[in-house]
C-alpha atoms as a PDB file:
ATOM      1  CA  MET A   1     108.065 129.945  72.744  1.00  0.00           C
ATOM      2  CA  LYS A   2     111.094 127.635  73.099  1.00  0.00           C
ATOM      3  CA  MET A   3     110.294 126.924  76.764  1.00  0.00           C
ATOM      4  CA  LYS A   4     106.766 125.863  75.796  1.00  0.00           C
ATOM      5  CA  GLN A   5     108.190 123.444  73.170  1.00  0.00           C
ATOM      6  CA  VAL A   6     110.627 121.977  75.715  1.00  0.00           C
ATOM      7  CA  ILE A   7     107.833 121.422  78.225  1.00  0.00           C
ATOM      8  CA  LEU A   8     105.558 119.853  75.591  1.00  0.00           C
ATOM      9  CA  THR A   9     108.408 117.587  74.411  1.00  0.00           C
ATOM     10  CA  VAL A  10     109.174 116.466  77.974  1.00  0.00           C
ATOM     11  CA  LEU A  11     105.487 115.774  78.629  1.00  0.00           C
ATOM     12  CA  ALA A  12     105.162 113.852  75.342  1.00  0.00           C
ATOM     13  CA  LEU A  13     108.232 111.724  76.143  1.00  0.00           C
ATOM     14  CA  TRP A  14     106.931 111.110  79.655  1.00  0.00           C
ATOM     15  CA  GLY A  15     103.553 110.032  78.260  1.00  0.00           C
ATOM     16  CA  ILE A  16     105.178 107.720  75.708  1.00  0.00           C
ATOM     17  CA  GLY A  17     107.290 106.171  78.485  1.00  0.00           C
ATOM     18  CA  ILE A  18     104.269 105.460  80.658  1.00  0.00           C
ATOM     19  CA  LEU A  19     102.285 104.119  77.702  1.00  0.00           C
ATOM     20  CA  THR A  20     105.192 101.800  76.819  1.00  0.00           C
ATOM     21  CA  ILE A  21     105.254 100.402  80.362  1.00  0.00           C
ATOM     22  CA  VAL A  22     101.471  99.864  80.401  1.00  0.00           C
ATOM     23  CA  VAL A  23     101.439  98.165  76.978  1.00  0.00           C
ATOM     24  CA  SER A  24     104.380  95.940  77.983  1.00  0.00           C
ATOM     25  CA  GLN A  25     102.626  94.839  81.214  1.00  0.00           C
ATOM     26  CA  GLU A  26      99.335  94.188  79.415  1.00  0.00           C
ATOM     27  CA  GLN A  27     101.092  92.172  76.707  1.00  0.00           C
ATOM     28  CA  HIS A  28     102.857  90.128  79.400  1.00  0.00           C
ATOM     29  CA  LEU A  29      99.534  89.381  81.113  1.00  0.00           C
ATOM     30  CA  ALA A  30      97.761  88.536  77.851  1.00  0.00           C
ATOM     31  CA  SER A  31     100.415  86.320  76.293  1.00  0.00           C
ATOM     32  CA  GLY A  32     102.224  84.848  79.317  1.00  0.00           C
ATOM     33  CA  LYS A  33     101.914  81.198  80.298  1.00  0.00           C
ATOM     34  CA  GLU A  34      99.562  80.883  83.263  1.00  0.00           C
ATOM     35  CA  VAL A  35     100.483  79.013  86.414  1.00  0.00           C
ATOM     36  CA  LEU A  36      98.788  78.688  89.827  1.00  0.00           C
ATOM     37  CA  LEU A  37     100.915  79.283  92.918  1.00  0.00           C
ATOM     38  CA  LYS A  38      99.840  78.465  96.462  1.00  0.00           C
ATOM     39  CA  THR A  39     100.256  81.412  98.808  1.00  0.00           C
ATOM     40  CA  VAL A  40      99.681  82.656 102.327  1.00  0.00           C
ATOM     41  CA  PRO A  41      98.676  86.334 102.733  1.00  0.00           C
ATOM     42  CA  VAL A  42     100.631  88.333 105.316  1.00  0.00           C
ATOM     43  CA  ASP A  43      99.943  92.063 105.966  1.00  0.00           C
ATOM     44  CA  PRO A  44      98.794  95.178 104.058  1.00  0.00           C
ATOM     45  CA  ARG A  45      99.683  98.913 103.727  1.00  0.00           C
ATOM     46  CA  ASP A  46     102.301 100.995 101.971  1.00  0.00           C
ATOM     47  CA  LEU A  47     102.388 104.655 102.901  1.00  0.00           C
ATOM     48  CA  PHE A  48     103.003 105.818  99.307  1.00  0.00           C
ATOM     49  CA  LYS A  49     101.369 103.160  97.114  1.00  0.00           C
ATOM     50  CA  GLY A  50      98.352 102.254  99.243  1.00  0.00           C
ATOM     51  CA  ASP A  51      96.959  99.004 100.574  1.00  0.00           C
ATOM     52  CA  TYR A  52      98.605  95.774  99.569  1.00  0.00           C
ATOM     53  CA  VAL A  53      98.891  92.220 100.770  1.00  0.00           C
ATOM     54  CA  THR A  54     102.288  90.590 101.104  1.00  0.00           C
ATOM     55  CA  LEU A  55     102.116  87.133  99.533  1.00  0.00           C
ATOM     56  CA  SER A  56     104.361  84.322 100.708  1.00  0.00           C
ATOM     57  CA  TYR A  57     104.436  81.402  98.276  1.00  0.00           C
ATOM     58  CA  ASP A  58     105.216  77.736  98.834  1.00  0.00           C
ATOM     59  CA  ILE A  59     107.948  78.179  96.210  1.00  0.00           C
ATOM     60  CA  ASN A  60     109.679  80.920  98.264  1.00  0.00           C
ATOM     61  CA  ALA A  61     111.393  78.184 100.268  1.00  0.00           C
ATOM     62  CA  ILE A  62     112.597  75.192  98.257  1.00  0.00           C
ATOM     63  CA  ASP A  63     114.159  72.111  99.830  1.00  0.00           C
ATOM     64  CA  LEU A  64     117.149  71.454  97.568  1.00  0.00           C
ATOM     65  CA  ARG A  65     117.316  67.818  98.745  1.00  0.00           C
ATOM     66  CA  LYS A  66     113.958  67.143  97.072  1.00  0.00           C
ATOM     67  CA  ILE A  67     114.566  68.580  93.583  1.00  0.00           C
ATOM     68  CA  THR A  68     117.213  68.517  90.849  1.00  0.00           C
ATOM     69  CA  VAL A  69     119.883  71.215  91.180  1.00  0.00           C
ATOM     70  CA  ASP A  70     122.247  72.033  88.286  1.00  0.00           C
ATOM     71  CA  LYS A  71     125.103  73.343  90.511  1.00  0.00           C
ATOM     72  CA  PRO A  72     125.212  73.107  94.284  1.00  0.00           C
ATOM     73  CA  SER A  73     126.616  76.607  94.900  1.00  0.00           C
ATOM     74  CA  PHE A  74     124.241  79.535  95.028  1.00  0.00           C
ATOM     75  CA  LYS A  75     124.845  82.815  96.786  1.00  0.00           C
ATOM     76  CA  GLU A  76     122.647  85.684  97.904  1.00  0.00           C
ATOM     77  CA  GLY A  77     121.467  87.794  94.969  1.00  0.00           C
ATOM     78  CA  ASP A  78     122.028  85.086  92.320  1.00  0.00           C
ATOM     79  CA  LEU A  79     119.467  85.039  89.526  1.00  0.00           C
ATOM     80  CA  VAL A  80     117.837  81.589  89.498  1.00  0.00           C
ATOM     81  CA  PHE A  81     115.313  79.708  87.389  1.00  0.00           C
ATOM     82  CA  VAL A  82     112.872  77.296  89.014  1.00  0.00           C
ATOM     83  CA  THR A  83     111.350  74.746  86.641  1.00  0.00           C
ATOM     84  CA  LEU A  84     107.722  74.081  87.581  1.00  0.00           C
ATOM     85  CA  ASP A  85     105.447  71.079  87.191  1.00  0.00           C
ATOM     86  CA  THR A  86     101.655  71.498  87.032  1.00  0.00           C
ATOM     87  CA  THR A  87     100.630  67.970  86.064  1.00  0.00           C
ATOM     88  CA  ASP A  88      99.074  66.797  89.342  1.00  0.00           C
ATOM     89  CA  SER A  89      95.315  66.996  89.898  1.00  0.00           C
ATOM     90  CA  THR A  90      95.448  70.403  91.644  1.00  0.00           C
ATOM     91  CA  HIS A  91      97.360  72.071  88.778  1.00  0.00           C
ATOM     92  CA  ILE A  92      99.277  74.043  91.427  1.00  0.00           C
ATOM     93  CA  ALA A  93     102.876  74.618  90.320  1.00  0.00           C
ATOM     94  CA  LYS A  94     105.508  72.647  92.191  1.00  0.00           C
ATOM     95  CA  PRO A  95     109.271  73.102  91.809  1.00  0.00           C
ATOM     96  CA  ILE A  96     111.144  70.230  90.149  1.00  0.00           C
ATOM     97  CA  LYS A  97     114.479  71.790  89.164  1.00  0.00           C
ATOM     98  CA  PHE A  98     116.605  74.695  90.297  1.00  0.00           C
ATOM     99  CA  SER A  99     119.162  76.233  87.944  1.00  0.00           C
ATOM    100  CA  HIS A 100     121.457  79.183  87.194  1.00  0.00           C
ATOM    101  CA  THR A 101     120.213  79.197  83.579  1.00  0.00           C
ATOM    102  CA  ALA A 102     116.774  79.253  81.967  1.00  0.00           C
ATOM    103  CA  PRO A 103     115.597  75.813  80.843  1.00  0.00           C
ATOM    104  CA  LYS A 104     115.438  75.091  77.133  1.00  0.00           C
ATOM    105  CA  GLY A 105     112.296  74.007  75.274  1.00  0.00           C
ATOM    106  CA  ASP A 106     108.698  74.321  76.415  1.00  0.00           C
ATOM    107  CA  LEU A 107     109.341  73.837  80.129  1.00  0.00           C
ATOM    108  CA  LEU A 108     107.424  76.078  82.508  1.00  0.00           C
ATOM    109  CA  PHE A 109     109.744  78.114  84.743  1.00  0.00           C
ATOM    110  CA  ILE A 110     109.831  81.166  86.976  1.00  0.00           C
ATOM    111  CA  GLN A 111     112.693  83.592  87.522  1.00  0.00           C
ATOM    112  CA  GLY A 112     113.734  84.678  91.005  1.00  0.00           C
ATOM    113  CA  LYS A 113     116.657  85.779  93.150  1.00  0.00           C
ATOM    114  CA  VAL A 114     118.322  83.895  95.963  1.00  0.00           C
ATOM    115  CA  ASN A 115     117.563  85.578  99.268  1.00  0.00           C
ATOM    116  CA  TYR A 116     119.674  83.142 101.286  1.00  0.00           C
ATOM    117  CA  SER A 117     120.605  79.509 101.077  1.00  0.00           C
ATOM    118  CA  THR A 118     120.961  76.545 103.385  1.00  0.00           C
ATOM    119  CA  GLU A 119     119.500  73.132 102.582  1.00  0.00           C
ATOM    120  CA  ILE A 120     116.370  75.189 102.029  1.00  0.00           C
ATOM    121  CA  MET A 121     116.786  77.805  99.272  1.00  0.00           C
ATOM    122  CA  HIS A 122     114.907  81.030 100.021  1.00  0.00           C
ATOM    123  CA  ILE A 123     113.929  82.903  96.862  1.00  0.00           C
ATOM    124  CA  THR A 124     112.183  86.191  96.157  1.00  0.00           C
ATOM    125  CA  TYR A 125     110.108  86.687  93.023  1.00  0.00           C
ATOM    126  CA  GLU A 126     109.972  90.238  91.714  1.00  0.00           C
ATOM    127  CA  ASP A 127     106.517  91.741  91.073  1.00  0.00           C
ATOM    128  CA  ILE A 128     104.409  89.005  92.695  1.00  0.00           C
ATOM    129  CA  GLU A 129     105.121  89.285  96.417  1.00  0.00           C
ATOM    130  CA  ARG A 130     102.938  92.378  96.855  1.00  0.00           C
ATOM    131  CA  TYR A 131      99.370  92.526  95.603  1.00  0.00           C
ATOM    132  CA  TYR A 132      97.925  96.040  95.627  1.00  0.00           C
ATOM    133  CA  VAL A 133      94.226  96.393  96.401  1.00  0.00           C
ATOM    134  CA  PRO A 134      91.755  99.279  96.728  1.00  0.00           C
ATOM    135  CA  GLU A 135      92.066 101.175 100.013  1.00  0.00           C
ATOM    136  CA  GLY A 136      90.461  99.410 102.935  1.00  0.00           C
ATOM    137  CA  THR A 137      90.160  95.989 101.226  1.00  0.00           C
ATOM    138  CA  GLY A 138      93.547  94.404 102.053  1.00  0.00           C
ATOM    139  CA  GLY A 139      92.118  92.783 105.164  1.00  0.00           C
ATOM    140  CA  VAL A 140      89.770  90.647 103.053  1.00  0.00           C
ATOM    141  CA  ILE A 141      92.670  88.647 101.637  1.00  0.00           C
ATOM    142  CA  GLU A 142      94.538  88.684 104.942  1.00  0.00           C
ATOM    143  CA  GLN A 143      91.468  87.184 106.669  1.00  0.00           C
ATOM    144  CA  ALA A 144      91.543  84.318 104.181  1.00  0.00           C
ATOM    145  CA  ARG A 145      94.243  82.547 106.196  1.00  0.00           C
ATOM    146  CA  GLY A 146      93.226  78.930 106.577  1.00  0.00           C
ATOM    147  CA  LYS A 147      91.370  79.038 103.264  1.00  0.00           C
ATOM    148  CA  SER A 148      92.803  78.041  99.911  1.00  0.00           C
ATOM    149  CA  VAL A 149      94.489  81.141  98.494  1.00  0.00           C
ATOM    150  CA  LEU A 150      95.961  80.739  95.018  1.00  0.00           C
ATOM    151  CA  VAL A 151      97.490  83.283  92.692  1.00  0.00           C
ATOM    152  CA  LYS A 152      97.209  82.957  88.924  1.00  0.00           C
ATOM    153  CA  VAL A 153     100.509  84.225  87.537  1.00  0.00           C
ATOM    154  CA  ALA A 154     101.463  85.026  83.925  1.00  0.00           C
ATOM    155  CA  LEU A 155     105.030  84.001  83.038  1.00  0.00           C
ATOM    156  CA  ASN A 156     106.732  85.559  80.034  1.00  0.00           C
ATOM    157  CA  SER A 157     109.373  83.792  77.912  1.00  0.00           C
ATOM    158  CA  GLU A 158     112.096  84.845  80.402  1.00  0.00           C
ATOM    159  CA  GLY A 159     110.161  83.399  83.366  1.00  0.00           C
ATOM    160  CA  LYS A 160     109.308  86.818  84.787  1.00  0.00           C
ATOM    161  CA  PRO A 161     106.009  86.650  86.695  1.00  0.00           C
ATOM    162  CA  LEU A 162     103.085  89.054  86.967  1.00  0.00           C
ATOM    163  CA  ILE A 163      99.973  88.537  89.088  1.00  0.00           C
ATOM    164  CA  LYS A 164      96.937  87.982  86.922  1.00  0.00           C
ATOM    165  CA  GLN A 165      94.338  87.027  89.537  1.00  0.00           C
ATOM    166  CA  VAL A 166      93.974  86.055  93.204  1.00  0.00           C
ATOM    167  CA  LEU A 167      91.626  83.160  93.995  1.00  0.00           C
ATOM    168  CA  ILE A 168      90.159  82.541  97.453  1.00  0.00           C
ATOM    169  CA  ASP A 169      88.639  79.070  97.791  1.00  0.00           C
ATOM    170  CA  GLY A 170      88.588  78.866  93.994  1.00  0.00           C
ATOM    171  CA  LYS A 171      86.716  82.151  93.505  1.00  0.00           C
ATOM    172  CA  PRO A 172      88.306  85.304  92.062  1.00  0.00           C
ATOM    173  CA  PHE A 173      89.059  87.934  94.706  1.00  0.00           C
ATOM    174  CA  SER A 174      86.736  90.859  94.149  1.00  0.00           C
ATOM    175  CA  PRO A 175      87.200  93.580  96.729  1.00  0.00           C
ATOM    176  CA  SER A 176      84.119  95.329  97.985  1.00  0.00           C
ATOM    177  CA  ILE A 177      85.118  98.856  98.740  1.00  0.00           C
ATOM    178  CA  PRO A 178      83.694  99.971 102.072  1.00  0.00           C
ATOM    179  CA  ARG A 179      81.374 102.950 101.960  1.00  0.00           C
ATOM    180  CA  THR A 180      82.202 106.081 103.882  1.00  0.00           C
ATOM    181  CA  ASN A 181      79.202 108.078 105.025  1.00  0.00           C
END
């Protein structure tokens, strides 16, 4: 009887853990500030997780000579905060400041990590550089090269991003799953 209780307790804790993660992600998507990022799709497939498209954003490489930088020294792995501006007519986010600390007030910003640095700062953004799609549909986004591909991202209060929607030429990406006969 005790073994059955242990197994049920472990399963209950496991279920609560998964539910907590799902609720947290959904809350982030529902309440996060939305921003559009310009991207270029690269290539799909992950042996364990399925089809995905690697997304390379304009804000992955930032020319430090063209924006405000709080301190000139950044090293690989540093946590960084990129303040974004969305006031031009396209509403696509553009970097305006690069900092070691999160900006104060109502400024829009995204959190990332320095990949490497020269005059051009190369940054990775956790959770938005891979977009998982139903099996066999990754090529649809990849074939959109040359078209306008934008990603609507939800940013929480810490600047952590999550993909909310992919837009191809202004239309939401809706994969059509190929039929197998």
